[in-house]
Amino acid sequence: MVGAYGLKNKRELWKAESELRKYRTNARDIQASLRLGDARAMEQVRSMVGRLSRYGILSEKATADDILALNVQSFLERRLQTFVMRKGLARTPGMARQMIVHGHISVADRKITIPGYKVLKVEEDSVSYAPNSPFTNELHPMRIVGEKKEGDKGQQAAEKKEDA
């Protein structure tokens, strides 16, 4: 998982696991309170689900059981580093990490230099190149927007044969 998500070291994975563990422990405690008939427990579930739905990890209609079903990938998918790569602003997780650290990425018109920043659901569409970054230039050699993807190699080869 460290390589797939471009994590710097295992500590970043452990942080995500720790966050998941915290939510799952709270959900188990709340479920026990619900069984005992605690009136505040339902409010606590709504609060926790609301927090997770703001980050896009769960839907707004989720329950405590849905919190218990979460896995560490759910949290790693919300990292800015993963978003930059999935959105096509960078080719690899390593490139995404470097672009973020060097200040080439902005979220909601704010330059973010933390690869582990958790992207809110409302901020998903606002992840882009920073306005003062050289990557805003369409002709930048490292920019991949507008290029043909590597999966199109077969199509590129067919086009070359037709031209010849």
Protein backbone atom coordinates (compact mmCIF):
# COMPACT_ATOMS: atom_id res chain seq x y z
CA MET A 1 0.00 0.00 0.00
CA VAL A 2 2.92 2.34 0.63
CA GLY A 3 3.87 2.22 -3.06
CA ALA A 4 0.33 2.33 -4.44
CA TYR A 5 -0.53 5.53 -2.59
CA GLY A 6 2.96 7.06 -2.79
CA LEU A 7 3.43 7.22 0.97
CA LYS A 8 6.84 8.39 2.15
CA ASN A 9 7.13 5.70 4.83
CA LYS A 10 5.10 3.30 6.94
CA ARG A 11 4.42 6.04 9.48
CA GLU A 12 1.97 7.66 7.05
CA LEU A 13 0.18 4.33 6.70
CA TRP A 14 0.11 3.93 10.48
CA LYS A 15 -1.47 7.37 10.84
CA ALA A 16 -4.30 6.35 8.50
CA GLU A 17 -4.72 3.06 10.37
CA SER A 18 -4.79 4.96 13.67
CA GLU A 19 -7.48 7.32 12.40
CA LEU A 20 -9.54 4.36 11.19
CA ARG A 21 -9.06 2.62 14.55
CA LYS A 22 -10.27 5.74 16.38
CA TYR A 23 -13.50 5.92 14.35
CA ARG A 24 -14.17 2.20 14.66
CA THR A 25 -13.59 2.21 18.43
CA ASN A 26 -15.96 5.16 18.84
CA ALA A 27 -18.56 3.42 16.65
CA ARG A 28 -18.37 0.25 18.77
CA ASP A 29 -18.78 2.27 21.97
CA ILE A 30 -21.74 4.13 20.49
CA GLN A 31 -23.36 0.87 19.38
CA ALA A 32 -23.07 -0.45 22.93
CA SER A 33 -24.70 2.75 24.22
CA LEU A 34 -27.50 2.39 21.67
CA ARG A 35 -28.23 -1.12 22.92
CA LEU A 36 -28.46 0.23 26.47
CA GLY A 37 -30.90 2.91 25.31
CA ASP A 38 -28.70 5.98 25.67
CA ALA A 39 -30.45 9.00 24.13
CA ARG A 40 -27.21 10.80 23.18
CA ALA A 41 -25.83 7.81 21.27
CA MET A 42 -27.94 8.45 18.17
CA GLU A 43 -26.80 12.07 18.14
CA GLN A 44 -23.17 10.90 18.39
CA VAL A 45 -23.67 8.56 15.42
CA ARG A 46 -25.10 11.42 13.35
CA SER A 47 -22.18 13.64 14.32
CA MET A 48 -19.58 11.02 13.38
CA VAL A 49 -21.32 10.16 10.10
CA GLY A 50 -21.59 13.88 9.30
CA ARG A 51 -17.86 14.33 9.84
CA LEU A 52 -17.02 11.35 7.63
CA SER A 53 -19.49 12.41 4.94
CA ARG A 54 -17.89 15.89 4.78
CA TYR A 55 -14.69 14.15 3.75
CA GLY A 56 -16.56 11.93 1.29
CA ILE A 57 -15.65 8.74 3.12
CA LEU A 58 -19.28 7.80 3.87
CA SER A 59 -22.67 8.83 2.55
CA GLU A 60 -24.87 11.06 4.70
CA LYS A 61 -27.31 8.20 5.32
CA ALA A 62 -24.68 5.85 6.73
CA THR A 63 -25.02 4.07 10.07
CA ALA A 64 -22.65 2.94 12.80
CA ASP A 65 -22.36 -0.41 10.99
CA ASP A 66 -21.05 1.41 7.92
CA ILE A 67 -18.36 3.04 10.06
CA LEU A 68 -17.30 -0.40 11.27
CA ALA A 69 -17.06 -1.59 7.65
CA LEU A 70 -14.54 1.11 6.67
CA ASN A 71 -11.00 0.17 5.69
CA VAL A 72 -7.70 2.04 5.53
CA GLN A 73 -8.00 2.55 1.75
CA SER A 74 -11.05 4.75 2.37
CA PHE A 75 -8.86 7.20 4.27
CA LEU A 76 -5.88 6.96 1.91
CA GLU A 77 -8.13 7.78 -1.07
CA ARG A 78 -8.98 11.15 0.50
CA ARG A 79 -5.36 12.34 0.63
CA LEU A 80 -4.46 15.26 -1.65
CA GLN A 81 -1.60 13.23 -3.09
CA THR A 82 -4.04 10.56 -4.29
CA PHE A 83 -6.43 13.18 -5.68
CA VAL A 84 -3.71 14.87 -7.72
CA MET A 85 -2.75 11.57 -9.30
CA ARG A 86 -6.32 10.33 -9.89
CA LYS A 87 -7.32 13.67 -11.40
CA GLY A 88 -4.52 13.40 -13.94
CA LEU A 89 -2.45 16.34 -12.74
CA ALA A 90 0.51 13.99 -12.14
CA ARG A 91 1.62 10.72 -13.73
CA THR A 92 2.70 8.88 -10.58
CA PRO A 93 2.10 9.13 -6.82
CA GLY A 94 5.71 10.25 -6.40
CA MET A 95 5.29 13.03 -8.93
CA ALA A 96 2.06 14.08 -7.21
CA ARG A 97 3.84 14.24 -3.86
CA GLN A 98 6.67 16.35 -5.27
CA MET A 99 4.28 18.76 -7.01
CA ILE A 100 2.37 19.27 -3.75
CA VAL A 101 5.49 19.78 -1.62
CA HIS A 102 6.92 22.26 -4.12
CA GLY A 103 3.71 24.31 -4.10
CA HIS A 104 2.37 23.57 -7.58
CA ILE A 105 -1.07 22.42 -6.36
CA SER A 106 -3.89 24.49 -4.91
CA VAL A 107 -7.20 23.53 -3.34
CA ALA A 108 -9.98 26.13 -3.38
CA ASP A 109 -7.45 28.82 -4.42
CA ARG A 110 -5.17 28.03 -1.45
CA LYS A 111 -1.73 26.60 -2.02
CA ILE A 112 -1.45 23.35 -0.04
CA THR A 113 2.00 21.85 0.53
CA ILE A 114 0.94 18.86 2.65
CA PRO A 115 0.55 15.59 0.68
CA GLY A 116 -1.51 14.07 3.51
CA TYR A 117 -4.08 16.89 3.47
CA LYS A 118 -7.59 15.38 3.58
CA VAL A 119 -9.65 16.78 0.73
CA LEU A 120 -13.20 17.69 1.69
CA LYS A 121 -16.05 16.59 -0.55
CA VAL A 122 -16.82 20.21 -1.51
CA GLU A 123 -13.17 20.80 -2.42
CA GLU A 124 -12.87 17.86 -4.84
CA ASP A 125 -13.52 19.93 -7.96
CA SER A 126 -11.22 22.76 -6.87
CA VAL A 127 -8.00 20.69 -6.87
CA SER A 128 -5.85 22.22 -9.61
CA TYR A 129 -2.48 23.70 -10.43
CA ALA A 130 -1.58 26.75 -8.33
CA PRO A 131 -2.05 30.04 -10.22
CA ASN A 132 1.63 31.01 -9.93
CA SER A 133 2.90 27.56 -10.89
CA PRO A 134 4.70 26.96 -14.20
CA PHE A 135 2.35 23.99 -14.68
CA THR A 136 -0.50 26.38 -15.50
CA ASN A 137 1.15 26.83 -18.91
CA GLU A 138 -0.39 24.31 -21.31
CA LEU A 139 2.97 23.89 -23.07
CA HIS A 140 4.91 22.90 -19.95
CA PRO A 141 6.86 19.71 -20.81
CA MET A 142 5.89 17.86 -17.61
CA ARG A 143 2.20 18.64 -17.88
CA ILE A 144 0.08 15.67 -18.87
CA VAL A 145 -3.31 17.29 -19.43
CA GLY A 146 -4.20 17.04 -23.09
CA GLU A 147 -1.59 14.37 -23.80
CA LYS A 148 -2.50 10.91 -24.94
CA LYS A 149 -2.50 8.44 -22.08
CA GLU A 150 -0.16 5.45 -21.98
CA GLY A 151 -3.15 3.13 -22.44
CA ASP A 152 -3.58 4.51 -25.96
CA LYS A 153 -0.27 3.07 -27.21
CA GLY A 154 -2.04 0.59 -29.46
CA GLN A 155 -4.08 3.37 -31.00
CA GLN A 156 -0.96 5.52 -31.44
CA ALA A 157 0.81 2.65 -33.22
CA ALA A 158 -2.20 2.20 -35.52
CA GLU A 159 -2.17 5.92 -36.36
CA LYS A 160 1.55 5.76 -37.23
CA LYS A 161 0.94 2.83 -39.59
CA GLU A 162 -1.85 4.74 -41.33
CA ASP A 163 0.40 7.79 -41.79
CA ALA A 164 3.20 5.69 -43.33
